[in-house]
PDB file of N, CA and C in Angstrom:
ATOM      1  N   MET A   1       0.849  -1.175   0.000  1.00  0.00           N
ATOM      2  CA  MET A   1       0.000   0.000   0.000  1.00  0.00           C
ATOM      3  C   MET A   1       0.891   1.233   0.000  1.00  0.00           C
ATOM      4  N   PRO A   2       0.906   1.948  -1.090  1.00  0.00           N
ATOM      5  CA  PRO A   2       1.857   3.052  -1.235  1.00  0.00           C
ATOM      6  C   PRO A   2       1.596   4.253  -0.344  1.00  0.00           C
ATOM      7  N   HIS A   3       0.380   4.430   0.172  1.00  0.00           N
ATOM      8  CA  HIS A   3       0.064   5.626   0.949  1.00  0.00           C
ATOM      9  C   HIS A   3       0.111   5.380   2.449  1.00  0.00           C
ATOM     10  N   THR A   4       0.663   4.266   2.871  1.00  0.00           N
ATOM     11  CA  THR A   4       0.743   3.975   4.300  1.00  0.00           C
ATOM     12  C   THR A   4       2.134   4.307   4.818  1.00  0.00           C
ATOM     13  N   PRO A   5       2.216   4.724   6.064  1.00  0.00           N
ATOM     14  CA  PRO A   5       3.532   4.991   6.657  1.00  0.00           C
ATOM     15  C   PRO A   5       4.380   3.714   6.686  1.00  0.00           C
ATOM     16  N   LYS A   6       5.673   3.892   6.646  1.00  0.00           N
ATOM     17  CA  LYS A   6       6.588   2.762   6.593  1.00  0.00           C
ATOM     18  C   LYS A   6       6.386   1.792   7.762  1.00  0.00           C
ATOM     19  N   SER A   7       6.091   2.317   8.948  1.00  0.00           N
ATOM     20  CA  SER A   7       5.930   1.458  10.126  1.00  0.00           C
ATOM     21  C   SER A   7       4.731   0.528   9.992  1.00  0.00           C
ATOM     22  N   SER A   8       3.698   0.937   9.264  1.00  0.00           N
ATOM     23  CA  SER A   8       2.496   0.111   9.100  1.00  0.00           C
ATOM     24  C   SER A   8       2.512  -0.684   7.804  1.00  0.00           C
ATOM     25  N   ARG A   9       3.351  -0.279   6.883  1.00  0.00           N
ATOM     26  CA  ARG A   9       3.358  -0.888   5.560  1.00  0.00           C
ATOM     27  C   ARG A   9       3.688  -2.375   5.606  1.00  0.00           C
ATOM     28  N   TYR A  10       4.566  -2.765   6.495  1.00  0.00           N
ATOM     29  CA  TYR A  10       5.008  -4.159   6.515  1.00  0.00           C
ATOM     30  C   TYR A  10       4.199  -5.010   7.483  1.00  0.00           C
ATOM     31  N   THR A  11       3.241  -4.444   8.137  1.00  0.00           N
ATOM     32  CA  THR A  11       2.393  -5.214   9.045  1.00  0.00           C
ATOM     33  C   THR A  11       0.979  -5.235   8.493  1.00  0.00           C
ATOM     34  N   LEU A  12       0.211  -4.225   8.831  1.00  0.00           N
ATOM     35  CA  LEU A  12      -1.186  -4.153   8.404  1.00  0.00           C
ATOM     36  C   LEU A  12      -1.291  -3.990   6.885  1.00  0.00           C
ATOM     37  N   GLY A  13      -0.454  -3.171   6.322  1.00  0.00           N
ATOM     38  CA  GLY A  13      -0.472  -2.963   4.868  1.00  0.00           C
ATOM     39  C   GLY A  13      -0.197  -4.243   4.109  1.00  0.00           C
ATOM     40  N   SER A  14       0.748  -5.020   4.587  1.00  0.00           N
ATOM     41  CA  SER A  14       1.068  -6.299   3.961  1.00  0.00           C
ATOM     42  C   SER A  14      -0.089  -7.277   4.089  1.00  0.00           C
ATOM     43  N   ARG A  15      -0.721  -7.272   5.243  1.00  0.00           N
ATOM     44  CA  ARG A  15      -1.877  -8.150   5.483  1.00  0.00           C
ATOM     45  C   ARG A  15      -3.023  -7.809   4.527  1.00  0.00           C
ATOM     46  N   ILE A  16      -3.280  -6.524   4.347  1.00  0.00           N
ATOM     47  CA  ILE A  16      -4.337  -6.073   3.433  1.00  0.00           C
ATOM     48  C   ILE A  16      -3.997  -6.460   2.000  1.00  0.00           C
ATOM     49  N   GLU A  17      -2.771  -6.246   1.622  1.00  0.00           N
ATOM     50  CA  GLU A  17      -2.337  -6.608   0.270  1.00  0.00           C
ATOM     51  C   GLU A  17      -2.536  -8.097   0.017  1.00  0.00           C
ATOM     52  N   ASN A  18      -2.181  -8.928   0.999  1.00  0.00           N
ATOM     53  CA  ASN A  18      -2.363 -10.377   0.855  1.00  0.00           C
ATOM     54  C   ASN A  18      -3.838 -10.749   0.768  1.00  0.00           C
ATOM     55  N   LYS A  19      -4.691 -10.053   1.510  1.00  0.00           N
ATOM     56  CA  LYS A  19      -6.135 -10.316   1.447  1.00  0.00           C
ATOM     57  C   LYS A  19      -6.686  -9.964   0.062  1.00  0.00           C
ATOM     58  N   PHE A  20      -6.212  -8.863  -0.521  1.00  0.00           N
ATOM     59  CA  PHE A  20      -6.630  -8.526  -1.882  1.00  0.00           C
ATOM     60  C   PHE A  20      -6.234  -9.640  -2.851  1.00  0.00           C
ATOM     61  N   LEU A  21      -5.032 -10.142  -2.705  1.00  0.00           N
ATOM     62  CA  LEU A  21      -4.581 -11.228  -3.574  1.00  0.00           C
ATOM     63  C   LEU A  21      -5.384 -12.511  -3.326  1.00  0.00           C
ATOM     64  N   ASP A  22      -5.699 -12.792  -2.063  1.00  0.00           N
ATOM     65  CA  ASP A  22      -6.538 -13.954  -1.743  1.00  0.00           C
ATOM     66  C   ASP A  22      -7.909 -13.821  -2.392  1.00  0.00           C
ATOM     67  N   LEU A  23      -8.463 -12.622  -2.347  1.00  0.00           N
ATOM     68  CA  LEU A  23      -9.776 -12.384  -2.945  1.00  0.00           C
ATOM     69  C   LEU A  23      -9.725 -12.581  -4.453  1.00  0.00           C
ATOM     70  N   LEU A  24      -8.689 -12.077  -5.068  1.00  0.00           N
ATOM     71  CA  LEU A  24      -8.521 -12.237  -6.515  1.00  0.00           C
ATOM     72  C   LEU A  24      -8.397 -13.713  -6.883  1.00  0.00           C
ATOM     73  N   GLU A  25      -7.581 -14.423  -6.143  1.00  0.00           N
ATOM     74  CA  GLU A  25      -7.373 -15.845  -6.404  1.00  0.00           C
ATOM     75  C   GLU A  25      -8.655 -16.658  -6.186  1.00  0.00           C
ATOM     76  N   THR A  26      -9.350 -16.403  -5.095  1.00  0.00           N
ATOM     77  CA  THR A  26     -10.554 -17.161  -4.774  1.00  0.00           C
ATOM     78  C   THR A  26     -11.674 -16.863  -5.768  1.00  0.00           C
ATOM     79  N   SER A  27     -11.782 -15.618  -6.210  1.00  0.00           N
ATOM     80  CA  SER A  27     -12.815 -15.283  -7.196  1.00  0.00           C
ATOM     81  C   SER A  27     -12.501 -15.935  -8.543  1.00  0.00           C
ATOM     82  N   TYR A  28     -11.240 -16.031  -8.887  1.00  0.00           N
ATOM     83  CA  TYR A  28     -10.834 -16.727 -10.112  1.00  0.00           C
ATOM     84  C   TYR A  28     -11.223 -18.199 -10.034  1.00  0.00           C
ATOM     85  N   ILE A  29     -10.936 -18.813  -8.896  1.00  0.00           N
ATOM     86  CA  ILE A  29     -11.297 -20.222  -8.694  1.00  0.00           C
ATOM     87  C   ILE A  29     -12.813 -20.385  -8.756  1.00  0.00           C
ATOM     88  N   ALA A  30     -13.547 -19.475  -8.119  1.00  0.00           N
ATOM     89  CA  ALA A  30     -15.012 -19.556  -8.103  1.00  0.00           C
ATOM     90  C   ALA A  30     -15.584 -19.486  -9.513  1.00  0.00           C
ATOM     91  N   TYR A  31     -14.963 -18.718 -10.365  1.00  0.00           N
ATOM     92  CA  TYR A  31     -15.450 -18.582 -11.740  1.00  0.00           C
ATOM     93  C   TYR A  31     -15.291 -19.886 -12.523  1.00  0.00           C
ATOM     94  N   TYR A  32     -14.187 -20.592 -12.290  1.00  0.00           N
ATOM     95  CA  TYR A  32     -13.886 -21.767 -13.096  1.00  0.00           C
ATOM     96  C   TYR A  32     -14.200 -23.105 -12.428  1.00  0.00           C
ATOM     97  N   ILE A  33     -14.565 -23.101 -11.170  1.00  0.00           N
ATOM     98  CA  ILE A  33     -14.819 -24.350 -10.460  1.00  0.00           C
ATOM     99  C   ILE A  33     -16.144 -24.965 -10.931  1.00  0.00           C
ATOM    100  N   GLU A  34     -16.298 -26.269 -10.702  1.00  0.00           N
ATOM    101  CA  GLU A  34     -17.536 -26.931 -11.123  1.00  0.00           C
ATOM    102  C   GLU A  34     -18.732 -26.321 -10.389  1.00  0.00           C
ATOM    103  N   LYS A  35     -19.873 -26.399 -11.048  1.00  0.00           N
ATOM    104  CA  LYS A  35     -21.095 -25.732 -10.587  1.00  0.00           C
ATOM    105  C   LYS A  35     -21.482 -26.087  -9.157  1.00  0.00           C
ATOM    106  N   GLU A  36     -21.277 -27.327  -8.776  1.00  0.00           N
ATOM    107  CA  GLU A  36     -21.692 -27.793  -7.451  1.00  0.00           C
ATOM    108  C   GLU A  36     -20.937 -27.088  -6.321  1.00  0.00           C
ATOM    109  N   ARG A  37     -19.747 -26.593  -6.604  1.00  0.00           N
ATOM    110  CA  ARG A  37     -18.919 -25.986  -5.557  1.00  0.00           C
ATOM    111  C   ARG A  37     -18.801 -24.467  -5.674  1.00  0.00           C
ATOM    112  N   LYS A  38     -19.439 -23.880  -6.695  1.00  0.00           N
ATOM    113  CA  LYS A  38     -19.353 -22.428  -6.906  1.00  0.00           C
ATOM    114  C   LYS A  38     -19.871 -21.641  -5.715  1.00  0.00           C
ATOM    115  N   LEU A  39     -21.033 -22.040  -5.196  1.00  0.00           N
ATOM    116  CA  LEU A  39     -21.655 -21.305  -4.100  1.00  0.00           C
ATOM    117  C   LEU A  39     -20.736 -21.254  -2.881  1.00  0.00           C
ATOM    118  N   GLU A  40     -20.064 -22.360  -2.608  1.00  0.00           N
ATOM    119  CA  GLU A  40     -19.114 -22.416  -1.482  1.00  0.00           C
ATOM    120  C   GLU A  40     -17.960 -21.437  -1.697  1.00  0.00           C
ATOM    121  N   LYS A  41     -17.417 -21.411  -2.902  1.00  0.00           N
ATOM    122  CA  LYS A  41     -16.284 -20.520  -3.192  1.00  0.00           C
ATOM    123  C   LYS A  41     -16.696 -19.050  -3.167  1.00  0.00           C
ATOM    124  N   ILE A  42     -17.906 -18.752  -3.633  1.00  0.00           N
ATOM    125  CA  ILE A  42     -18.374 -17.369  -3.593  1.00  0.00           C
ATOM    126  C   ILE A  42     -18.560 -16.934  -2.147  1.00  0.00           C
ATOM    127  N   SER A  43     -19.047 -17.842  -1.309  1.00  0.00           N
ATOM    128  CA  SER A  43     -19.161 -17.527   0.124  1.00  0.00           C
ATOM    129  C   SER A  43     -17.789 -17.259   0.722  1.00  0.00           C
ATOM    130  N   ASP A  44     -16.778 -18.010   0.278  1.00  0.00           N
ATOM    131  CA  ASP A  44     -15.404 -17.755   0.719  1.00  0.00           C
ATOM    132  C   ASP A  44     -14.951 -16.353   0.286  1.00  0.00           C
ATOM    133  N   CYS A  45     -15.294 -15.968  -0.931  1.00  0.00           N
ATOM    134  CA  CYS A  45     -14.944 -14.636  -1.430  1.00  0.00           C
ATOM    135  C   CYS A  45     -15.581 -13.555  -0.563  1.00  0.00           C
ATOM    136  N   ILE A  46     -16.837 -13.753  -0.211  1.00  0.00           N
ATOM    137  CA  ILE A  46     -17.544 -12.760   0.598  1.00  0.00           C
ATOM    138  C   ILE A  46     -16.907 -12.657   1.986  1.00  0.00           C
ATOM    139  N   LEU A  47     -16.491 -13.780   2.538  1.00  0.00           N
ATOM    140  CA  LEU A  47     -15.811 -13.763   3.836  1.00  0.00           C
ATOM    141  C   LEU A  47     -14.482 -13.012   3.764  1.00  0.00           C
ATOM    142  N   ILE A  48     -13.718 -13.258   2.720  1.00  0.00           N
ATOM    143  CA  ILE A  48     -12.447 -12.550   2.531  1.00  0.00           C
ATOM    144  C   ILE A  48     -12.706 -11.053   2.353  1.00  0.00           C
ATOM    145  N   LEU A  49     -13.733 -10.717   1.586  1.00  0.00           N
ATOM    146  CA  LEU A  49     -14.078  -9.316   1.366  1.00  0.00           C
ATOM    147  C   LEU A  49     -14.463  -8.632   2.674  1.00  0.00           C
ATOM    148  N   ASP A  50     -15.244  -9.312   3.492  1.00  0.00           N
ATOM    149  CA  ASP A  50     -15.629  -8.736   4.791  1.00  0.00           C
ATOM    150  C   ASP A  50     -14.411  -8.533   5.692  1.00  0.00           C
ATOM    151  N   THR A  51     -13.483  -9.471   5.663  1.00  0.00           N
ATOM    152  CA  THR A  51     -12.244  -9.335   6.433  1.00  0.00           C
ATOM    153  C   THR A  51     -11.432  -8.151   5.925  1.00  0.00           C
ATOM    154  N   LEU A  52     -11.398  -8.012   4.626  1.00  0.00           N
ATOM    155  CA  LEU A  52     -10.683  -6.896   4.004  1.00  0.00           C
ATOM    156  C   LEU A  52     -11.298  -5.559   4.415  1.00  0.00           C
ATOM    157  N   LYS A  53     -12.613  -5.477   4.417  1.00  0.00           N
ATOM    158  CA  LYS A  53     -13.291  -4.257   4.861  1.00  0.00           C
ATOM    159  C   LYS A  53     -12.929  -3.938   6.310  1.00  0.00           C
ATOM    160  N   PHE A  54     -12.884  -4.965   7.131  1.00  0.00           N
ATOM    161  CA  PHE A  54     -12.527  -4.781   8.539  1.00  0.00           C
ATOM    162  C   PHE A  54     -11.102  -4.240   8.675  1.00  0.00           C
ATOM    163  N   LEU A  55     -10.156  -4.835   7.957  1.00  0.00           N
ATOM    164  CA  LEU A  55      -8.767  -4.390   8.028  1.00  0.00           C
ATOM    165  C   LEU A  55      -8.604  -2.959   7.517  1.00  0.00           C
ATOM    166  N   ILE A  56      -9.332  -2.623   6.459  1.00  0.00           N
ATOM    167  CA  ILE A  56      -9.285  -1.261   5.921  1.00  0.00           C
ATOM    168  C   ILE A  56      -9.830  -0.271   6.954  1.00  0.00           C
ATOM    169  N   SER A  57     -10.908  -0.654   7.631  1.00  0.00           N
ATOM    170  CA  SER A  57     -11.471   0.258   8.641  1.00  0.00           C
ATOM    171  C   SER A  57     -10.502   0.445   9.807  1.00  0.00           C
ATOM    172  N   ILE A  58      -9.746  -0.584  10.151  1.00  0.00           N
ATOM    173  CA  ILE A  58      -8.732  -0.456  11.207  1.00  0.00           C
ATOM    174  C   ILE A  58      -7.647   0.537  10.786  1.00  0.00           C
ATOM    175  N   THR A  59      -7.239   0.464   9.531  1.00  0.00           N
ATOM    176  CA  THR A  59      -6.202   1.395   9.070  1.00  0.00           C
ATOM    177  C   THR A  59      -6.725   2.826   9.086  1.00  0.00           C
ATOM    178  N   TRP A  60      -7.995   3.009   8.776  1.00  0.00           N
ATOM    179  CA  TRP A  60      -8.580   4.350   8.806  1.00  0.00           C
ATOM    180  C   TRP A  60      -8.719   4.855  10.241  1.00  0.00           C
ATOM    181  N   GLU A  61      -9.240   3.993  11.126  1.00  0.00           N
ATOM    182  CA  GLU A  61      -9.398   4.388  12.528  1.00  0.00           C
ATOM    183  C   GLU A  61      -8.051   4.697  13.180  1.00  0.00           C
ATOM    184  N   GLY A  62      -7.015   3.986  12.749  1.00  0.00           N
ATOM    185  CA  GLY A  62      -5.677   4.245  13.269  1.00  0.00           C
ATOM    186  C   GLY A  62      -4.980   5.394  12.567  1.00  0.00           C
ATOM    187  N   LYS A  63      -5.700   6.074  11.689  1.00  0.00           N
ATOM    188  CA  LYS A  63      -5.190   7.218  10.939  1.00  0.00           C
ATOM    189  C   LYS A  63      -3.970   6.871  10.081  1.00  0.00           C
ATOM    190  N   ILE A  64      -3.967   5.629   9.601  1.00  0.00           N
ATOM    191  CA  ILE A  64      -2.887   5.186   8.720  1.00  0.00           C
ATOM    192  C   ILE A  64      -3.190   5.600   7.285  1.00  0.00           C
ATOM    193  N   ILE A  65      -4.482   5.635   6.931  1.00  0.00           N
ATOM    194  CA  ILE A  65      -4.885   6.141   5.622  1.00  0.00           C
ATOM    195  C   ILE A  65      -5.812   7.336   5.832  1.00  0.00           C
ATOM    196  N   SER A  66      -5.878   8.182   4.830  1.00  0.00           N
ATOM    197  CA  SER A  66      -6.689   9.403   4.928  1.00  0.00           C
ATOM    198  C   SER A  66      -8.168   9.089   4.735  1.00  0.00           C
ATOM    199  N   ASN A  67      -8.990  10.043   5.085  1.00  0.00           N
ATOM    200  CA  ASN A  67     -10.439   9.906   4.888  1.00  0.00           C
ATOM    201  C   ASN A  67     -10.772   9.689   3.415  1.00  0.00           C
ATOM    202  N   ARG A  68     -10.085  10.409   2.552  1.00  0.00           N
ATOM    203  CA  ARG A  68     -10.329  10.300   1.110  1.00  0.00           C
ATOM    204  C   ARG A  68     -10.005   8.903   0.598  1.00  0.00           C
ATOM    205  N   HIS A  69      -8.856   8.369   0.991  1.00  0.00           N
ATOM    206  CA  HIS A  69      -8.490   7.014   0.564  1.00  0.00           C
ATOM    207  C   HIS A  69      -9.459   5.978   1.125  1.00  0.00           C
ATOM    208  N   PHE A  70      -9.837   6.165   2.377  1.00  0.00           N
ATOM    209  CA  PHE A  70     -10.778   5.241   2.994  1.00  0.00           C
ATOM    210  C   PHE A  70     -12.104   5.247   2.244  1.00  0.00           C
ATOM    211  N   GLU A  71     -12.577   6.424   1.901  1.00  0.00           N
ATOM    212  CA  GLU A  71     -13.845   6.534   1.183  1.00  0.00           C
ATOM    213  C   GLU A  71     -13.764   5.882  -0.198  1.00  0.00           C
ATOM    214  N   GLU A  72     -12.672   6.128  -0.910  1.00  0.00           N
ATOM    215  CA  GLU A  72     -12.485   5.530  -2.239  1.00  0.00           C
ATOM    216  C   GLU A  72     -12.469   4.003  -2.161  1.00  0.00           C
ATOM    217  N   ILE A  73     -11.677   3.486  -1.242  1.00  0.00           N
ATOM    218  CA  ILE A  73     -11.556   2.031  -1.106  1.00  0.00           C
ATOM    219  C   ILE A  73     -12.876   1.432  -0.647  1.00  0.00           C
ATOM    220  N   SER A  74     -13.531   2.069   0.315  1.00  0.00           N
ATOM    221  CA  SER A  74     -14.800   1.559   0.839  1.00  0.00           C
ATOM    222  C   SER A  74     -15.862   1.481  -0.246  1.00  0.00           C
ATOM    223  N   ASN A  75     -15.938   2.515  -1.068  1.00  0.00           N
ATOM    224  CA  ASN A  75     -16.923   2.510  -2.156  1.00  0.00           C
ATOM    225  C   ASN A  75     -16.658   1.389  -3.146  1.00  0.00           C
ATOM    226  N   LYS A  76     -15.407   1.169  -3.470  1.00  0.00           N
ATOM    227  CA  LYS A  76     -15.063   0.094  -4.405  1.00  0.00           C
ATOM    228  C   LYS A  76     -15.349  -1.277  -3.795  1.00  0.00           C
ATOM    229  N   LEU A  77     -15.027  -1.445  -2.517  1.00  0.00           N
ATOM    230  CA  LEU A  77     -15.293  -2.721  -1.854  1.00  0.00           C
ATOM    231  C   LEU A  77     -16.796  -2.977  -1.728  1.00  0.00           C
ATOM    232  N   LYS A  78     -17.553  -1.914  -1.507  1.00  0.00           N
ATOM    233  CA  LYS A  78     -19.011  -2.047  -1.433  1.00  0.00           C
ATOM    234  C   LYS A  78     -19.565  -2.530  -2.774  1.00  0.00           C
ATOM    235  N   GLU A  79     -19.057  -1.977  -3.855  1.00  0.00           N
ATOM    236  CA  GLU A  79     -19.498  -2.371  -5.192  1.00  0.00           C
ATOM    237  C   GLU A  79     -19.127  -3.839  -5.474  1.00  0.00           C
ATOM    238  N   ILE A  80     -17.944  -4.226  -5.077  1.00  0.00           N
ATOM    239  CA  ILE A  80     -17.516  -5.619  -5.236  1.00  0.00           C
ATOM    240  C   ILE A  80     -18.431  -6.541  -4.430  1.00  0.00           C
ATOM    241  N   GLY A  81     -18.790  -6.113  -3.230  1.00  0.00           N
ATOM    242  CA  GLY A  81     -19.699  -6.891  -2.394  1.00  0.00           C
ATOM    243  C   GLY A  81     -21.055  -7.085  -3.054  1.00  0.00           C
ATOM    244  N   LYS A  82     -21.554  -6.044  -3.713  1.00  0.00           N
ATOM    245  CA  LYS A  82     -22.825  -6.150  -4.428  1.00  0.00           C
ATOM    246  C   LYS A  82     -22.725  -7.173  -5.557  1.00  0.00           C
ATOM    247  N   MET A  83     -21.592  -7.176  -6.245  1.00  0.00           N
ATOM    248  CA  MET A  83     -21.393  -8.136  -7.338  1.00  0.00           C
ATOM    249  C   MET A  83     -21.366  -9.564  -6.815  1.00  0.00           C
ATOM    250  N   PHE A  84     -20.615  -9.798  -5.753  1.00  0.00           N
ATOM    251  CA  PHE A  84     -20.568 -11.143  -5.174  1.00  0.00           C
ATOM    252  C   PHE A  84     -21.937 -11.563  -4.637  1.00  0.00           C
ATOM    253  N   GLY A  85     -22.643 -10.622  -4.010  1.00  0.00           N
ATOM    254  CA  GLY A  85     -23.973 -10.920  -3.491  1.00  0.00           C
ATOM    255  C   GLY A  85     -24.939 -11.300  -4.607  1.00  0.00           C
ATOM    256  N   GLY A  86     -24.883 -10.583  -5.708  1.00  0.00           N
ATOM    257  CA  GLY A  86     -25.725 -10.902  -6.867  1.00  0.00           C
ATOM    258  C   GLY A  86     -25.378 -12.244  -7.468  1.00  0.00           C
ATOM    259  N   TRP A  87     -24.087 -12.540  -7.532  1.00  0.00           N
ATOM    260  CA  TRP A  87     -23.630 -13.822  -8.066  1.00  0.00           C
ATOM    261  C   TRP A  87     -24.141 -14.960  -7.186  1.00  0.00           C
ATOM    262  N   ARG A  88     -23.996 -14.784  -5.869  1.00  0.00           N
ATOM    263  CA  ARG A  88     -24.448 -15.810  -4.930  1.00  0.00           C
ATOM    264  C   ARG A  88     -25.965 -16.001  -5.023  1.00  0.00           C
ATOM    265  N   LYS A  89     -26.684 -14.901  -5.095  1.00  0.00           N
ATOM    266  CA  LYS A  89     -28.142 -14.979  -5.165  1.00  0.00           C
ATOM    267  C   LYS A  89     -28.594 -15.703  -6.431  1.00  0.00           C
ATOM    268  N   SER A  90     -27.960 -15.407  -7.551  1.00  0.00           N
ATOM    269  CA  SER A  90     -28.341 -16.076  -8.798  1.00  0.00           C
ATOM    270  C   SER A  90     -28.078 -17.576  -8.719  1.00  0.00           C
ATOM    271  N   LEU A  91     -26.994 -17.966  -8.073  1.00  0.00           N
ATOM    272  CA  LEU A  91     -26.709 -19.398  -7.914  1.00  0.00           C
ATOM    273  C   LEU A  91     -27.694 -20.060  -6.959  1.00  0.00           C
ATOM    274  N   GLU A  92     -28.091 -19.341  -5.915  1.00  0.00           N
ATOM    275  CA  GLU A  92     -29.071 -19.895  -4.971  1.00  0.00           C
ATOM    276  C   GLU A  92     -30.421 -20.089  -5.653  1.00  0.00           C
ATOM    277  N   ILE A  93     -30.835 -19.122  -6.465  1.00  0.00           N
ATOM    278  CA  ILE A  93     -32.103 -19.231  -7.194  1.00  0.00           C
ATOM    279  C   ILE A  93     -32.039 -20.394  -8.175  1.00  0.00           C
ATOM    280  N   GLU A  94     -30.916 -20.520  -8.868  1.00  0.00           N
ATOM    281  CA  GLU A  94     -30.735 -21.615  -9.821  1.00  0.00           C
ATOM    282  C   GLU A  94     -30.777 -22.960  -9.098  1.00  0.00           C
ATOM    283  N   SER A  95     -30.174 -23.012  -7.928  1.00  0.00           N
ATOM    284  CA  SER A  95     -30.156 -24.237  -7.129  1.00  0.00           C
ATOM    285  C   SER A  95     -31.570 -24.631  -6.689  1.00  0.00           C
ATOM    286  N   ILE A  96     -32.363 -23.641  -6.293  1.00  0.00           N
ATOM    287  CA  ILE A  96     -33.747 -23.906  -5.873  1.00  0.00           C
ATOM    288  C   ILE A  96     -34.567 -24.403  -7.065  1.00  0.00           C
ATOM    289  N   LYS A  97     -34.379 -23.785  -8.226  1.00  0.00           N
ATOM    290  CA  LYS A  97     -35.104 -24.208  -9.436  1.00  0.00           C
ATOM    291  C   LYS A  97     -34.751 -25.654  -9.797  1.00  0.00           C
ATOM    292  N   ASN A  98     -33.477 -26.002  -9.684  1.00  0.00           N
ATOM    293  CA  ASN A  98     -33.034 -27.359 -10.036  1.00  0.00           C
ATOM    294  C   ASN A  98     -33.586 -28.399  -9.071  1.00  0.00           C
ATOM    295  N   ARG A  99     -33.781 -28.030  -7.795  1.00  0.00           N
ATOM    296  CA  ARG A  99     -34.339 -28.963  -6.823  1.00  0.00           C
ATOM    297  C   ARG A  99     -35.814 -29.219  -7.076  1.00  0.00           C
ATOM    298  N   ASN A 100     -36.506 -28.214  -7.606  1.00  0.00           N
ATOM    299  CA  ASN A 100     -37.939 -28.339  -7.861  1.00  0.00           C
ATOM    300  C   ASN A 100     -38.241 -29.100  -9.148  1.00  0.00           C
ATOM    301  N   VAL A 101     -37.250 -29.294  -9.974  1.00  0.00           N
ATOM    302  CA  VAL A 101     -37.473 -29.972 -11.264  1.00  0.00           C
ATOM    303  C   VAL A 101     -37.516 -31.446 -11.101  1.00  0.00           C
TER     304      VAL A 101
END
């Protein structure tokens, strides 16, 4: 994270960076995994995203990032959350339809 102080960059900043990479990796897997396991992987993505939001809020509360950066990141994470939520919902609806057939 380029805008974090050096003292936090290698602790909390590194943790956040790794969570972003975990989210990217897990979402990639969720896209290509077999249909039966997609819902589980998307739930994993949502959990990672929620953890990421928590870590970002800690950096903001600790005044490690500015209000502007926090707002920018929060808005983007919120949008990502909406996408994952929609993806999960569509799979749940599809799953219910398949059970009724």
